[in-house]
Amino acid sequence: MPRHTRKKQLVLHVGAPKTGSTYVQRRLQANRAALHATGAAYPALKATPSIAGNAKLLPMVLAGAAQPKFRYKYPDIDVLSINRRALMDELEAPFEDGAHTVILSAENFRSAQAGHVCGLIRKDVQARV
C-alpha cells in the first residue's frame, strides 16, 4: 500500500524497567534505515540523539523534573524550559517526511501522564500503546 494512503499511527512502547526495553530500543536505533524503507520511523531528538529510549525526554518534561542519571549525562538540558508542544512536534516530524508510523519508546512514562500525551498527539494520528 502506498505510504500516502495509510493512516498515520504513533506507536508508544512503554517498557517497564528490567524487561528488556533498552534492548528493543537499541535494535530500533540500529535499524532506522530498514524501518524507514517500510514507512516507519524511530526518530532521535536533536538534544538527546544517543538515548536509546527516543521519547525518554517527554515524560520528564511532562513531570517537570529530570531523572538523576539524565541530569548527570545532560546537565545543560533544563526540562522545565522545554516546550511540550515543540518537543512532540519534533518527535512527530517524520510524518511530514512521509512516514505512516512513528515509534516512540520510553520506560519512564507513568499512567498519570497518559492524558497529557494523548492531548499532544496530532489529531490525524491514531495512537497505540
C-alpha atoms as a PDB file:
ATOM      1  CA  MET A   1       0.000   0.000   0.000  1.00  0.00           C
ATOM      2  CA  PRO A   2       1.474   3.418  -0.864  1.00  0.00           C
ATOM      3  CA  ARG A   3       2.576   5.494   2.093  1.00  0.00           C
ATOM      4  CA  HIS A   4       0.176   8.377   1.475  1.00  0.00           C
ATOM      5  CA  THR A   5      -2.929   6.178   1.673  1.00  0.00           C
ATOM      6  CA  ARG A   6      -2.119   4.591   5.039  1.00  0.00           C
ATOM      7  CA  LYS A   7      -3.443   6.073   8.241  1.00  0.00           C
ATOM      8  CA  LYS A   8      -0.838   7.679  10.419  1.00  0.00           C
ATOM      9  CA  GLN A   9      -0.126   5.900  13.653  1.00  0.00           C
ATOM     10  CA  LEU A  10       2.056   6.615  16.616  1.00  0.00           C
ATOM     11  CA  VAL A  11       3.248   3.528  18.480  1.00  0.00           C
ATOM     12  CA  LEU A  12       4.237   4.226  22.058  1.00  0.00           C
ATOM     13  CA  HIS A  13       6.447   1.497  23.507  1.00  0.00           C
ATOM     14  CA  VAL A  14       6.361   1.735  27.295  1.00  0.00           C
ATOM     15  CA  GLY A  15       8.757  -0.789  28.751  1.00  0.00           C
ATOM     16  CA  ALA A  16       8.816  -1.385  32.469  1.00  0.00           C
ATOM     17  CA  PRO A  17      12.314  -1.323  33.995  1.00  0.00           C
ATOM     18  CA  LYS A  18      14.263  -4.582  33.705  1.00  0.00           C
ATOM     19  CA  THR A  19      12.037  -6.062  30.973  1.00  0.00           C
ATOM     20  CA  GLY A  20      14.438  -5.726  28.042  1.00  0.00           C
ATOM     21  CA  SER A  21      13.166  -2.372  26.795  1.00  0.00           C
ATOM     22  CA  THR A  22      16.694  -0.997  26.295  1.00  0.00           C
ATOM     23  CA  TYR A  23      17.479  -3.968  24.053  1.00  0.00           C
ATOM     24  CA  VAL A  24      14.358  -3.241  21.961  1.00  0.00           C
ATOM     25  CA  GLN A  25      15.301   0.446  21.827  1.00  0.00           C
ATOM     26  CA  ARG A  26      18.870  -0.318  20.683  1.00  0.00           C
ATOM     27  CA  ARG A  27      17.534  -2.606  17.929  1.00  0.00           C
ATOM     28  CA  LEU A  28      15.161   0.137  16.777  1.00  0.00           C
ATOM     29  CA  GLN A  29      18.084   2.611  16.721  1.00  0.00           C
ATOM     30  CA  ALA A  30      20.299   0.206  14.789  1.00  0.00           C
ATOM     31  CA  ASN A  31      17.600  -0.456  12.204  1.00  0.00           C
ATOM     32  CA  ARG A  32      16.397   3.068  11.453  1.00  0.00           C
ATOM     33  CA  ALA A  33      17.151   2.693   7.728  1.00  0.00           C
ATOM     34  CA  ALA A  34      15.206  -0.575   7.465  1.00  0.00           C
ATOM     35  CA  LEU A  35      12.284   0.962   9.330  1.00  0.00           C
ATOM     36  CA  HIS A  36      12.365   3.994   7.026  1.00  0.00           C
ATOM     37  CA  ALA A  37      12.171   1.695   3.997  1.00  0.00           C
ATOM     38  CA  THR A  38       8.860   0.341   5.319  1.00  0.00           C
ATOM     39  CA  GLY A  39       7.410   3.781   6.069  1.00  0.00           C
ATOM     40  CA  ALA A  40       8.099   3.645   9.804  1.00  0.00           C
ATOM     41  CA  ALA A  41      10.366   5.932  11.800  1.00  0.00           C
ATOM     42  CA  TYR A  42      12.172   5.819  15.134  1.00  0.00           C
ATOM     43  CA  PRO A  43      13.124   9.489  15.434  1.00  0.00           C
ATOM     44  CA  ALA A  44      16.001  10.832  17.503  1.00  0.00           C
ATOM     45  CA  LEU A  45      15.683  14.131  19.328  1.00  0.00           C
ATOM     46  CA  LYS A  46      18.353  16.687  18.438  1.00  0.00           C
ATOM     47  CA  ALA A  47      19.058  17.335  22.130  1.00  0.00           C
ATOM     48  CA  THR A  48      19.459  13.654  23.061  1.00  0.00           C
ATOM     49  CA  PRO A  49      20.339  11.641  19.941  1.00  0.00           C
ATOM     50  CA  SER A  50      22.196   8.870  21.778  1.00  0.00           C
ATOM     51  CA  ILE A  51      19.453   7.965  24.262  1.00  0.00           C
ATOM     52  CA  ALA A  52      18.085   4.514  23.451  1.00  0.00           C
ATOM     53  CA  GLY A  53      14.582   5.462  24.571  1.00  0.00           C
ATOM     54  CA  ASN A  54      13.961   8.161  21.980  1.00  0.00           C
ATOM     55  CA  ALA A  55      10.963   9.599  23.848  1.00  0.00           C
ATOM     56  CA  LYS A  56      12.524   9.485  27.318  1.00  0.00           C
ATOM     57  CA  LEU A  57      12.669  13.267  27.498  1.00  0.00           C
ATOM     58  CA  LEU A  58       8.888  13.642  27.025  1.00  0.00           C
ATOM     59  CA  PRO A  59       7.795  12.124  30.375  1.00  0.00           C
ATOM     60  CA  MET A  60      10.416  14.189  32.192  1.00  0.00           C
ATOM     61  CA  VAL A  61       9.089  17.359  30.540  1.00  0.00           C
ATOM     62  CA  LEU A  62       5.531  16.354  31.460  1.00  0.00           C
ATOM     63  CA  ALA A  63       6.584  15.669  35.073  1.00  0.00           C
ATOM     64  CA  GLY A  64       8.658  18.849  35.276  1.00  0.00           C
ATOM     65  CA  ALA A  65      11.685  17.002  36.632  1.00  0.00           C
ATOM     66  CA  ALA A  66      14.639  15.154  35.165  1.00  0.00           C
ATOM     67  CA  GLN A  67      15.830  11.804  36.434  1.00  0.00           C
ATOM     68  CA  PRO A  68      19.204  11.908  38.255  1.00  0.00           C
ATOM     69  CA  LYS A  69      21.039   9.880  35.557  1.00  0.00           C
ATOM     70  CA  PHE A  70      19.654  12.185  32.899  1.00  0.00           C
ATOM     71  CA  ARG A  71      20.758  15.310  34.779  1.00  0.00           C
ATOM     72  CA  TYR A  72      24.237  13.808  35.114  1.00  0.00           C
ATOM     73  CA  LYS A  73      24.527  12.955  31.404  1.00  0.00           C
ATOM     74  CA  TYR A  74      22.814  16.125  30.125  1.00  0.00           C
ATOM     75  CA  PRO A  75      23.478  18.854  32.728  1.00  0.00           C
ATOM     76  CA  ASP A  76      22.716  21.622  30.220  1.00  0.00           C
ATOM     77  CA  ILE A  77      19.168  20.459  29.484  1.00  0.00           C
ATOM     78  CA  ASP A  78      16.560  22.103  31.697  1.00  0.00           C
ATOM     79  CA  VAL A  79      13.371  20.086  31.323  1.00  0.00           C
ATOM     80  CA  LEU A  80      11.333  22.976  32.730  1.00  0.00           C
ATOM     81  CA  SER A  81      12.343  25.185  29.800  1.00  0.00           C
ATOM     82  CA  ILE A  82      11.304  22.720  27.091  1.00  0.00           C
ATOM     83  CA  ASN A  83       8.004  23.412  25.365  1.00  0.00           C
ATOM     84  CA  ARG A  84       5.834  20.260  25.350  1.00  0.00           C
ATOM     85  CA  ARG A  85       4.226  21.060  22.011  1.00  0.00           C
ATOM     86  CA  ALA A  86       7.574  21.755  20.336  1.00  0.00           C
ATOM     87  CA  LEU A  87       9.010  18.515  21.717  1.00  0.00           C
ATOM     88  CA  MET A  88       6.070  16.489  20.419  1.00  0.00           C
ATOM     89  CA  ASP A  89       6.289  18.248  17.053  1.00  0.00           C
ATOM     90  CA  GLU A  90       9.934  17.146  16.804  1.00  0.00           C
ATOM     91  CA  LEU A  91       9.014  13.553  17.684  1.00  0.00           C
ATOM     92  CA  GLU A  92       6.183  13.562  15.116  1.00  0.00           C
ATOM     93  CA  ALA A  93       8.255  15.252  12.381  1.00  0.00           C
ATOM     94  CA  PRO A  94       8.701  12.012  10.379  1.00  0.00           C
ATOM     95  CA  PHE A  95       5.009  12.197   9.460  1.00  0.00           C
ATOM     96  CA  GLU A  96       5.854  15.332   7.458  1.00  0.00           C
ATOM     97  CA  ASP A  97       8.528  13.356   5.611  1.00  0.00           C
ATOM     98  CA  GLY A  98       6.078  10.638   4.536  1.00  0.00           C
ATOM     99  CA  ALA A  99       6.262   8.138   7.387  1.00  0.00           C
ATOM    100  CA  HIS A 100       2.972   6.438   8.226  1.00  0.00           C
ATOM    101  CA  THR A 101       4.213   5.092  11.579  1.00  0.00           C
ATOM    102  CA  VAL A 102       6.296   6.789  14.242  1.00  0.00           C
ATOM    103  CA  ILE A 103       7.633   4.653  17.071  1.00  0.00           C
ATOM    104  CA  LEU A 104       8.355   6.308  20.411  1.00  0.00           C
ATOM    105  CA  SER A 105       9.872   4.446  23.330  1.00  0.00           C
ATOM    106  CA  ALA A 106      10.413   5.304  26.981  1.00  0.00           C
ATOM    107  CA  GLU A 107      10.351   3.272  30.152  1.00  0.00           C
ATOM    108  CA  ASN A 108       9.754   6.322  32.317  1.00  0.00           C
ATOM    109  CA  PHE A 109       6.170   7.043  31.229  1.00  0.00           C
ATOM    110  CA  ARG A 110       3.640   6.963  34.059  1.00  0.00           C
ATOM    111  CA  SER A 111      -0.068   6.218  33.804  1.00  0.00           C
ATOM    112  CA  ALA A 112      -0.892   9.695  35.142  1.00  0.00           C
ATOM    113  CA  GLN A 113       0.785  11.166  32.028  1.00  0.00           C
ATOM    114  CA  ALA A 114      -1.423   9.300  29.539  1.00  0.00           C
ATOM    115  CA  GLY A 115      -3.928  12.142  29.205  1.00  0.00           C
ATOM    116  CA  HIS A 116      -1.171  14.691  28.640  1.00  0.00           C
ATOM    117  CA  VAL A 117       0.448  12.532  25.960  1.00  0.00           C
ATOM    118  CA  CYS A 118      -2.902  11.970  24.215  1.00  0.00           C
ATOM    119  CA  GLY A 119      -3.502  15.712  24.249  1.00  0.00           C
ATOM    120  CA  LEU A 120      -0.188  16.292  22.464  1.00  0.00           C
ATOM    121  CA  ILE A 121      -0.612  13.706  19.704  1.00  0.00           C
ATOM    122  CA  ARG A 122      -1.745  15.132  16.383  1.00  0.00           C
ATOM    123  CA  LYS A 123      -5.461  14.751  15.721  1.00  0.00           C
ATOM    124  CA  ASP A 124      -4.874  12.928  12.425  1.00  0.00           C
ATOM    125  CA  VAL A 125      -2.763  10.255  14.131  1.00  0.00           C
ATOM    126  CA  GLN A 126      -4.012   7.052  15.741  1.00  0.00           C
ATOM    127  CA  ALA A 127      -2.098   6.172  18.922  1.00  0.00           C
ATOM    128  CA  ARG A 128      -1.216   2.662  20.039  1.00  0.00           C
ATOM    129  CA  VAL A 129       0.444   1.745  23.302  1.00  0.00           C
END
